[in-house]
Amino acid sequence: MLDFSKRNSRRRCGKFVESSPYFAEEFFKMGKKQNSQHSLWKINRAGNSICFMFQKIAYLLLRFAAGFLVLVAAAVFGVVVVAVVVAVAASFFSSTTGAAAFAVVNRIDDFAITPEQNIAHAMTALMAQNKGAGKNDRMREGFRCGMILELVYGAAVMLICLGFARPLMSLFVKDEEVIGHGVVYLHLIAVMYILPAVTNALQGFFRGIGDLKVTLMSSFTNMTVRVIAAAPMVLLWNFGIEALPYSYLAGWIAMLLVETPL
């Protein structure tokens, strides 16, 4: 009776290998060759994974560096703008009055513009996630909703600054001369708050899709045009604090002209 059990099969294979030393030698050589090829494949795969990881790290570092350059550029040009502002205050007001008015309206500006920037940050995250997922329809819908939020908020801030400019200034200072300069500034800048709402939404979109060249160019343009516009108003046309909102308006319009065609 034939025995096909596993134990008997192993015994017969062992006898065959023992009786065929040449076969056994070739068999083990083949196994070693296959093991070495498998090891090389593993090494290549590990090397490719490491290269891919370093490429991703380099890409993220470049993205971070580009964003950091935008912030540095904005900060440097912001210092220049502040210098022009100080020149305005020193030229047309007493030093304490001009500095106080500028400090107060800057605080109100921060309250007005910071939420617009935060809406843009949310748009950046939304655009990046949906771009990575390949959902272009959700990108369009997210951009539309973000732009609507920006415009609604900009309009609300405009109405508040137009209607409550004096009470807002009175929250920070009691000097009537300082309050008067601040009210003039707020009445002018209020009608312009729609523009930074639009520019922030566009910046959030471009950051989300990874096109940081546009944000860098537009930020440079904005700050440069502000300084160029403020200089003649201060030095030639003897503008007071009104030079600041008009220079901001010129910068925001130039920023839109850079971003919109792209």
C-alpha atoms as a PDB file:
ATOM      1  CA  MET A   1       0.000   0.000   0.000  1.00  0.00           C
ATOM      2  CA  LEU A   2       1.379   3.423  -0.985  1.00  0.00           C
ATOM      3  CA  ASP A   3       1.878   5.947   1.787  1.00  0.00           C
ATOM      4  CA  PHE A   4       1.362   9.558   0.630  1.00  0.00           C
ATOM      5  CA  SER A   5       1.442  11.080   4.073  1.00  0.00           C
ATOM      6  CA  LYS A   6       3.452  14.265   4.746  1.00  0.00           C
ATOM      7  CA  ARG A   7       5.944  12.409   6.915  1.00  0.00           C
ATOM      8  CA  ASN A   8       6.600   9.777   4.273  1.00  0.00           C
ATOM      9  CA  SER A   9       6.935  12.433   1.559  1.00  0.00           C
ATOM     10  CA  ARG A  10       9.594  14.220   3.564  1.00  0.00           C
ATOM     11  CA  ARG A  11      11.426  10.927   4.096  1.00  0.00           C
ATOM     12  CA  ARG A  12      11.396  10.129   0.374  1.00  0.00           C
ATOM     13  CA  CYS A  13      12.554  13.664  -0.538  1.00  0.00           C
ATOM     14  CA  GLY A  14      15.367  13.377   1.981  1.00  0.00           C
ATOM     15  CA  LYS A  15      16.507  10.061   0.504  1.00  0.00           C
ATOM     16  CA  PHE A  16      16.398  11.553  -2.990  1.00  0.00           C
ATOM     17  CA  VAL A  17      18.523  14.534  -1.941  1.00  0.00           C
ATOM     18  CA  GLU A  18      20.961  12.286  -0.107  1.00  0.00           C
ATOM     19  CA  SER A  19      21.285  10.094  -3.183  1.00  0.00           C
ATOM     20  CA  SER A  20      21.771  13.123  -5.447  1.00  0.00           C
ATOM     21  CA  PRO A  21      24.504  15.347  -3.991  1.00  0.00           C
ATOM     22  CA  TYR A  22      24.807  17.357  -7.220  1.00  0.00           C
ATOM     23  CA  PHE A  23      21.120  18.190  -7.123  1.00  0.00           C
ATOM     24  CA  ALA A  24      21.374  19.227  -3.482  1.00  0.00           C
ATOM     25  CA  GLU A  25      24.331  21.504  -4.216  1.00  0.00           C
ATOM     26  CA  GLU A  26      22.519  23.227  -7.111  1.00  0.00           C
ATOM     27  CA  PHE A  27      19.376  23.529  -5.065  1.00  0.00           C
ATOM     28  CA  PHE A  28      21.160  25.333  -2.239  1.00  0.00           C
ATOM     29  CA  LYS A  29      23.008  27.601  -4.705  1.00  0.00           C
ATOM     30  CA  MET A  30      19.670  28.567  -6.246  1.00  0.00           C
ATOM     31  CA  GLY A  31      18.264  29.341  -2.793  1.00  0.00           C
ATOM     32  CA  LYS A  32      21.228  31.527  -1.931  1.00  0.00           C
ATOM     33  CA  LYS A  33      20.884  33.386  -5.236  1.00  0.00           C
ATOM     34  CA  GLN A  34      17.194  33.997  -4.687  1.00  0.00           C
ATOM     35  CA  ASN A  35      17.835  35.161  -1.121  1.00  0.00           C
ATOM     36  CA  SER A  36      20.505  37.581  -2.302  1.00  0.00           C
ATOM     37  CA  GLN A  37      18.210  38.944  -5.021  1.00  0.00           C
ATOM     38  CA  HIS A  38      15.432  39.342  -2.481  1.00  0.00           C
ATOM     39  CA  SER A  39      17.824  41.165  -0.139  1.00  0.00           C
ATOM     40  CA  LEU A  40      18.899  43.504  -2.950  1.00  0.00           C
ATOM     41  CA  TRP A  41      15.242  44.197  -3.734  1.00  0.00           C
ATOM     42  CA  LYS A  42      14.626  45.042  -0.087  1.00  0.00           C
ATOM     43  CA  ILE A  43      17.653  47.341  -0.007  1.00  0.00           C
ATOM     44  CA  ASN A  44      16.525  49.117  -3.196  1.00  0.00           C
ATOM     45  CA  ARG A  45      13.029  49.517  -1.840  1.00  0.00           C
ATOM     46  CA  ALA A  46      14.325  50.912   1.454  1.00  0.00           C
ATOM     47  CA  GLY A  47      16.615  53.303  -0.459  1.00  0.00           C
ATOM     48  CA  ASN A  48      13.729  54.520  -2.610  1.00  0.00           C
ATOM     49  CA  SER A  49      11.608  55.064   0.511  1.00  0.00           C
ATOM     50  CA  ILE A  50      14.375  57.069   2.168  1.00  0.00           C
ATOM     51  CA  CYS A  51      14.875  59.178  -0.987  1.00  0.00           C
ATOM     52  CA  PHE A  52      11.130  59.841  -1.194  1.00  0.00           C
ATOM     53  CA  MET A  53      11.077  60.832   2.482  1.00  0.00           C
ATOM     54  CA  PHE A  54      13.959  63.286   2.004  1.00  0.00           C
ATOM     55  CA  GLN A  55      12.259  64.731  -1.077  1.00  0.00           C
ATOM     56  CA  LYS A  56       9.073  65.344   0.925  1.00  0.00           C
ATOM     57  CA  ILE A  57      11.077  66.939   3.744  1.00  0.00           C
ATOM     58  CA  ALA A  58      12.892  69.190   1.255  1.00  0.00           C
ATOM     59  CA  TYR A  59       9.584  70.162  -0.371  1.00  0.00           C
ATOM     60  CA  LEU A  60       8.042  71.049   3.001  1.00  0.00           C
ATOM     61  CA  LEU A  61      11.124  73.057   3.973  1.00  0.00           C
ATOM     62  CA  LEU A  62      10.934  74.984   0.705  1.00  0.00           C
ATOM     63  CA  ARG A  63       7.255  75.689   1.295  1.00  0.00           C
ATOM     64  CA  PHE A  64       8.043  76.898   4.803  1.00  0.00           C
ATOM     65  CA  ALA A  65      10.941  79.018   3.555  1.00  0.00           C
ATOM     66  CA  ALA A  66       8.750  80.665   0.911  1.00  0.00           C
ATOM     67  CA  GLY A  67       6.074  81.491   3.473  1.00  0.00           C
ATOM     68  CA  PHE A  68       8.722  82.776   5.874  1.00  0.00           C
ATOM     69  CA  LEU A  69      10.129  85.052   3.152  1.00  0.00           C
ATOM     70  CA  VAL A  70       6.676  86.521   2.620  1.00  0.00           C
ATOM     71  CA  LEU A  71       6.397  87.306   6.321  1.00  0.00           C
ATOM     72  CA  VAL A  72       9.899  88.782   6.440  1.00  0.00           C
ATOM     73  CA  ALA A  73       9.201  90.922   3.377  1.00  0.00           C
ATOM     74  CA  ALA A  74       5.952  92.164   4.889  1.00  0.00           C
ATOM     75  CA  ALA A  75       7.712  92.941   8.171  1.00  0.00           C
ATOM     76  CA  VAL A  76      10.570  94.837   6.501  1.00  0.00           C
ATOM     77  CA  PHE A  77       8.277  96.932   4.356  1.00  0.00           C
ATOM     78  CA  GLY A  78       6.015  97.401   7.362  1.00  0.00           C
ATOM     79  CA  VAL A  79       8.916  99.014   9.195  1.00  0.00           C
ATOM     80  CA  VAL A  80       9.380 101.391   6.263  1.00  0.00           C
ATOM     81  CA  VAL A  81       5.681 102.252   6.291  1.00  0.00           C
ATOM     82  CA  VAL A  82       5.833 102.924  10.023  1.00  0.00           C
ATOM     83  CA  ALA A  83       8.804 105.243   9.419  1.00  0.00           C
ATOM     84  CA  VAL A  84       6.738 107.202   6.904  1.00  0.00           C
ATOM     85  CA  VAL A  85       3.871 107.328   9.381  1.00  0.00           C
ATOM     86  CA  VAL A  86       6.143 108.685  12.097  1.00  0.00           C
ATOM     87  CA  ALA A  87       7.323 111.334   9.643  1.00  0.00           C
ATOM     88  CA  VAL A  88       3.685 112.263   9.005  1.00  0.00           C
ATOM     89  CA  ALA A  89       2.981 112.547  12.717  1.00  0.00           C
ATOM     90  CA  ALA A  90       6.105 114.559  13.413  1.00  0.00           C
ATOM     91  CA  SER A  91       5.508 116.926  10.486  1.00  0.00           C
ATOM     92  CA  PHE A  92       1.859 117.801  10.891  1.00  0.00           C
ATOM     93  CA  PHE A  93       0.955 117.194  14.521  1.00  0.00           C
ATOM     94  CA  SER A  94       2.670 117.619  17.797  1.00  0.00           C
ATOM     95  CA  SER A  95       4.724 114.490  18.411  1.00  0.00           C
ATOM     96  CA  THR A  96       2.567 113.213  21.278  1.00  0.00           C
ATOM     97  CA  THR A  97      -0.715 113.864  19.467  1.00  0.00           C
ATOM     98  CA  GLY A  98       0.351 112.209  16.222  1.00  0.00           C
ATOM     99  CA  ALA A  99       1.897 109.195  17.941  1.00  0.00           C
ATOM    100  CA  ALA A 100      -1.160 108.745  20.177  1.00  0.00           C
ATOM    101  CA  ALA A 101      -3.601 108.954  17.263  1.00  0.00           C
ATOM    102  CA  PHE A 102      -1.569 106.487  15.220  1.00  0.00           C
ATOM    103  CA  ALA A 103      -1.312 104.045  18.144  1.00  0.00           C
ATOM    104  CA  VAL A 104      -5.055 104.087  18.774  1.00  0.00           C
ATOM    105  CA  VAL A 105      -6.145 103.670  15.151  1.00  0.00           C
ATOM    106  CA  ASN A 106      -3.634 100.834  14.818  1.00  0.00           C
ATOM    107  CA  ARG A 107      -5.375  98.963  17.618  1.00  0.00           C
ATOM    108  CA  ILE A 108      -8.749  99.421  15.936  1.00  0.00           C
ATOM    109  CA  ASP A 109      -7.197  98.336  12.632  1.00  0.00           C
ATOM    110  CA  ASP A 110      -5.979  95.142  14.290  1.00  0.00           C
ATOM    111  CA  PHE A 111      -9.466  94.337  15.559  1.00  0.00           C
ATOM    112  CA  ALA A 112     -10.880  95.034  12.097  1.00  0.00           C
ATOM    113  CA  ILE A 113      -8.391  93.128   9.920  1.00  0.00           C
ATOM    114  CA  THR A 114      -7.341  90.171  12.113  1.00  0.00           C
ATOM    115  CA  PRO A 115     -10.657  88.269  11.629  1.00  0.00           C
ATOM    116  CA  GLU A 116     -10.314  88.764   7.858  1.00  0.00           C
ATOM    117  CA  GLN A 117      -6.867  87.185   8.035  1.00  0.00           C
ATOM    118  CA  ASN A 118      -8.215  84.278  10.111  1.00  0.00           C
ATOM    119  CA  ILE A 119     -10.941  83.608   7.543  1.00  0.00           C
ATOM    120  CA  ALA A 120      -8.183  83.508   4.922  1.00  0.00           C
ATOM    121  CA  HIS A 121      -6.207  80.994   7.036  1.00  0.00           C
ATOM    122  CA  ALA A 122      -9.279  78.755   7.205  1.00  0.00           C
ATOM    123  CA  MET A 123      -9.633  79.037   3.417  1.00  0.00           C
ATOM    124  CA  THR A 124      -5.977  78.019   3.033  1.00  0.00           C
ATOM    125  CA  ALA A 125      -6.522  74.795   4.999  1.00  0.00           C
ATOM    126  CA  LEU A 126      -9.738  74.021   3.106  1.00  0.00           C
ATOM    127  CA  MET A 127      -8.139  74.611  -0.299  1.00  0.00           C
ATOM    128  CA  ALA A 128      -5.089  72.492   0.541  1.00  0.00           C
ATOM    129  CA  GLN A 129      -7.157  69.532   1.770  1.00  0.00           C
ATOM    130  CA  ASN A 130      -9.481  69.494  -1.226  1.00  0.00           C
ATOM    131  CA  LYS A 131      -6.665  70.047  -3.717  1.00  0.00           C
ATOM    132  CA  GLY A 132      -4.870  67.021  -2.259  1.00  0.00           C
ATOM    133  CA  ALA A 133      -8.087  64.997  -2.545  1.00  0.00           C
ATOM    134  CA  GLY A 134      -8.671  66.183  -6.130  1.00  0.00           C
ATOM    135  CA  LYS A 135     -12.075  67.694  -5.278  1.00  0.00           C
ATOM    136  CA  ASN A 136     -12.113  70.826  -7.417  1.00  0.00           C
ATOM    137  CA  ASP A 137     -15.847  71.372  -6.944  1.00  0.00           C
ATOM    138  CA  ARG A 138     -15.379  71.643  -3.179  1.00  0.00           C
ATOM    139  CA  MET A 139     -12.478  74.053  -3.743  1.00  0.00           C
ATOM    140  CA  ARG A 140     -14.733  76.337  -5.790  1.00  0.00           C
ATOM    141  CA  GLU A 141     -17.510  76.124  -3.208  1.00  0.00           C
ATOM    142  CA  GLY A 142     -15.075  76.778  -0.344  1.00  0.00           C
ATOM    143  CA  PHE A 143     -13.620  79.801  -2.119  1.00  0.00           C
ATOM    144  CA  ARG A 144     -17.089  81.182  -2.808  1.00  0.00           C
ATOM    145  CA  CYS A 145     -18.195  80.755   0.825  1.00  0.00           C
ATOM    146  CA  GLY A 146     -14.930  82.225   2.134  1.00  0.00           C
ATOM    147  CA  MET A 147     -15.238  85.259  -0.131  1.00  0.00           C
ATOM    148  CA  ILE A 148     -18.827  85.825   1.007  1.00  0.00           C
ATOM    149  CA  LEU A 149     -17.736  85.674   4.661  1.00  0.00           C
ATOM    150  CA  GLU A 150     -14.941  88.148   3.984  1.00  0.00           C
ATOM    151  CA  LEU A 151     -17.251  90.598   2.215  1.00  0.00           C
ATOM    152  CA  VAL A 152     -19.960  90.378   4.880  1.00  0.00           C
ATOM    153  CA  TYR A 153     -17.439  90.953   7.647  1.00  0.00           C
ATOM    154  CA  GLY A 154     -15.779  93.813   5.741  1.00  0.00           C
ATOM    155  CA  ALA A 155     -19.142  95.503   5.232  1.00  0.00           C
ATOM    156  CA  ALA A 156     -20.011  95.091   8.931  1.00  0.00           C
ATOM    157  CA  VAL A 157     -16.697  96.624  10.032  1.00  0.00           C
ATOM    158  CA  MET A 158     -17.197  99.483   7.569  1.00  0.00           C
ATOM    159  CA  LEU A 159     -20.596 100.327   9.067  1.00  0.00           C
ATOM    160  CA  ILE A 160     -19.273 100.093  12.634  1.00  0.00           C
ATOM    161  CA  CYS A 161     -16.299 102.361  11.929  1.00  0.00           C
ATOM    162  CA  LEU A 162     -18.456 104.892  10.093  1.00  0.00           C
ATOM    163  CA  GLY A 163     -21.142 105.009  12.767  1.00  0.00           C
ATOM    164  CA  PHE A 164     -19.076 104.630  15.929  1.00  0.00           C
ATOM    165  CA  ALA A 165     -15.695 106.165  15.109  1.00  0.00           C
ATOM    166  CA  ARG A 166     -15.762 108.642  18.009  1.00  0.00           C
ATOM    167  CA  PRO A 167     -16.936 106.118  20.662  1.00  0.00           C
ATOM    168  CA  LEU A 168     -14.281 103.680  19.479  1.00  0.00           C
ATOM    169  CA  MET A 169     -11.551 106.275  19.840  1.00  0.00           C
ATOM    170  CA  SER A 170     -12.925 107.272  23.261  1.00  0.00           C
ATOM    171  CA  LEU A 171     -12.380 103.713  24.501  1.00  0.00           C
ATOM    172  CA  PHE A 172      -8.611 104.240  24.284  1.00  0.00           C
ATOM    173  CA  VAL A 173      -7.997 107.970  24.766  1.00  0.00           C
ATOM    174  CA  LYS A 174      -9.743 111.069  26.154  1.00  0.00           C
ATOM    175  CA  ASP A 175      -7.780 113.801  24.388  1.00  0.00           C
ATOM    176  CA  GLU A 176     -10.137 115.550  21.959  1.00  0.00           C
ATOM    177  CA  GLU A 177      -7.380 116.410  19.494  1.00  0.00           C
ATOM    178  CA  VAL A 178      -6.250 112.792  19.304  1.00  0.00           C
ATOM    179  CA  ILE A 179      -9.859 111.641  18.976  1.00  0.00           C
ATOM    180  CA  GLY A 180     -10.421 114.111  16.113  1.00  0.00           C
ATOM    181  CA  HIS A 181      -7.456 112.803  14.136  1.00  0.00           C
ATOM    182  CA  GLY A 182      -8.567 109.230  14.791  1.00  0.00           C
ATOM    183  CA  VAL A 183     -12.122 109.919  13.626  1.00  0.00           C
ATOM    184  CA  VAL A 184     -10.812 111.380  10.360  1.00  0.00           C
ATOM    185  CA  TYR A 185      -8.672 108.305   9.838  1.00  0.00           C
ATOM    186  CA  LEU A 186     -11.458 105.820  10.664  1.00  0.00           C
ATOM    187  CA  HIS A 187     -14.007 107.515   8.407  1.00  0.00           C
ATOM    188  CA  LEU A 188     -11.585 107.243   5.495  1.00  0.00           C
ATOM    189  CA  ILE A 189     -10.318 103.718   6.145  1.00  0.00           C
ATOM    190  CA  ALA A 190     -13.805 102.329   6.881  1.00  0.00           C
ATOM    191  CA  VAL A 191     -14.926 102.472   3.244  1.00  0.00           C
ATOM    192  CA  MET A 192     -11.726 100.649   2.255  1.00  0.00           C
ATOM    193  CA  TYR A 193     -12.097  97.602   4.531  1.00  0.00           C
ATOM    194  CA  ILE A 194     -13.793  95.710   1.697  1.00  0.00           C
ATOM    195  CA  LEU A 195     -10.498  95.677  -0.237  1.00  0.00           C
ATOM    196  CA  PRO A 196      -8.405  93.826   2.387  1.00  0.00           C
ATOM    197  CA  ALA A 197     -11.306  91.391   2.743  1.00  0.00           C
ATOM    198  CA  VAL A 198     -10.979  90.516  -0.955  1.00  0.00           C
ATOM    199  CA  THR A 199      -7.165  90.460  -0.935  1.00  0.00           C
ATOM    200  CA  ASN A 200      -7.074  88.202   2.142  1.00  0.00           C
ATOM    201  CA  ALA A 201      -9.480  85.749   0.491  1.00  0.00           C
ATOM    202  CA  LEU A 202      -7.321  85.641  -2.640  1.00  0.00           C
ATOM    203  CA  GLN A 203      -4.180  85.176  -0.548  1.00  0.00           C
ATOM    204  CA  GLY A 204      -5.816  82.281   1.293  1.00  0.00           C
ATOM    205  CA  PHE A 205      -6.715  80.666  -2.026  1.00  0.00           C
ATOM    206  CA  PHE A 206      -3.221  80.949  -3.495  1.00  0.00           C
ATOM    207  CA  ARG A 207      -1.571  79.677  -0.313  1.00  0.00           C
ATOM    208  CA  GLY A 208      -3.955  76.716  -0.268  1.00  0.00           C
ATOM    209  CA  ILE A 209      -3.129  75.638  -3.812  1.00  0.00           C
ATOM    210  CA  GLY A 210       0.596  76.067  -3.114  1.00  0.00           C
ATOM    211  CA  ASP A 211       1.218  79.034  -5.421  1.00  0.00           C
ATOM    212  CA  LEU A 212       3.292  81.125  -3.023  1.00  0.00           C
ATOM    213  CA  LYS A 213       4.903  83.150  -5.808  1.00  0.00           C
ATOM    214  CA  VAL A 214       1.669  85.107  -6.174  1.00  0.00           C
ATOM    215  CA  THR A 215       1.409  85.871  -2.457  1.00  0.00           C
ATOM    216  CA  LEU A 216       5.056  86.958  -2.352  1.00  0.00           C
ATOM    217  CA  MET A 217       4.677  89.248  -5.378  1.00  0.00           C
ATOM    218  CA  SER A 218       1.422  90.761  -4.169  1.00  0.00           C
ATOM    219  CA  SER A 219       2.762  91.426  -0.651  1.00  0.00           C
ATOM    220  CA  PHE A 220       5.850  93.153  -2.068  1.00  0.00           C
ATOM    221  CA  THR A 221       3.658  95.197  -4.402  1.00  0.00           C
ATOM    222  CA  ASN A 222       1.280  96.210  -1.623  1.00  0.00           C
ATOM    223  CA  MET A 223       3.987  97.504   0.719  1.00  0.00           C
ATOM    224  CA  THR A 224       6.021  99.158  -2.037  1.00  0.00           C
ATOM    225  CA  VAL A 225       3.062 101.053  -3.462  1.00  0.00           C
ATOM    226  CA  ARG A 226       2.044 102.185   0.035  1.00  0.00           C
ATOM    227  CA  VAL A 227       5.421 103.816   0.592  1.00  0.00           C
ATOM    228  CA  ILE A 228       5.565 105.313  -2.913  1.00  0.00           C
ATOM    229  CA  ALA A 229       2.041 106.726  -2.552  1.00  0.00           C
ATOM    230  CA  ALA A 230       2.588 108.124   0.960  1.00  0.00           C
ATOM    231  CA  ALA A 231       5.847 109.933   0.171  1.00  0.00           C
ATOM    232  CA  PRO A 232       4.475 112.631  -2.192  1.00  0.00           C
ATOM    233  CA  MET A 233       1.355 113.113  -0.073  1.00  0.00           C
ATOM    234  CA  VAL A 234       3.528 113.895   2.928  1.00  0.00           C
ATOM    235  CA  LEU A 235       6.413 115.720   1.298  1.00  0.00           C
ATOM    236  CA  LEU A 236       4.695 117.600  -1.557  1.00  0.00           C
ATOM    237  CA  TRP A 237       0.984 117.905  -0.885  1.00  0.00           C
ATOM    238  CA  ASN A 238       1.122 118.440   2.885  1.00  0.00           C
ATOM    239  CA  PHE A 239      -1.402 115.741   3.761  1.00  0.00           C
ATOM    240  CA  GLY A 240      -1.932 114.926   7.423  1.00  0.00           C
ATOM    241  CA  ILE A 241      -3.061 111.605   8.816  1.00  0.00           C
ATOM    242  CA  GLU A 242      -5.266 111.309   5.716  1.00  0.00           C
ATOM    243  CA  ALA A 243      -2.155 110.232   3.799  1.00  0.00           C
ATOM    244  CA  LEU A 244      -2.221 106.866   5.542  1.00  0.00           C
ATOM    245  CA  PRO A 245      -5.645 105.583   4.406  1.00  0.00           C
ATOM    246  CA  TYR A 246      -5.010 106.844   0.876  1.00  0.00           C
ATOM    247  CA  SER A 247      -1.637 105.072   0.747  1.00  0.00           C
ATOM    248  CA  TYR A 248      -3.278 101.867   2.058  1.00  0.00           C
ATOM    249  CA  LEU A 249      -5.925 102.207  -0.644  1.00  0.00           C
ATOM    250  CA  ALA A 250      -3.243 102.482  -3.340  1.00  0.00           C
ATOM    251  CA  GLY A 251      -1.438  99.422  -1.957  1.00  0.00           C
ATOM    252  CA  TRP A 252      -4.579  97.264  -1.798  1.00  0.00           C
ATOM    253  CA  ILE A 253      -5.600  98.220  -5.345  1.00  0.00           C
ATOM    254  CA  ALA A 254      -2.116  97.362  -6.626  1.00  0.00           C
ATOM    255  CA  MET A 255      -2.276  94.069  -4.749  1.00  0.00           C
ATOM    256  CA  LEU A 256      -5.589  93.207  -6.418  1.00  0.00           C
ATOM    257  CA  LEU A 257      -4.195  94.090  -9.827  1.00  0.00           C
ATOM    258  CA  VAL A 258      -1.351  91.618  -9.243  1.00  0.00           C
ATOM    259  CA  GLU A 259      -3.529  88.805  -7.885  1.00  0.00           C
ATOM    260  CA  THR A 260      -6.650  88.969 -10.022  1.00  0.00           C
ATOM    261  CA  PRO A 261      -5.151  88.147 -13.475  1.00  0.00           C
ATOM    262  CA  LEU A 262      -3.323  85.155 -11.944  1.00  0.00           C
END
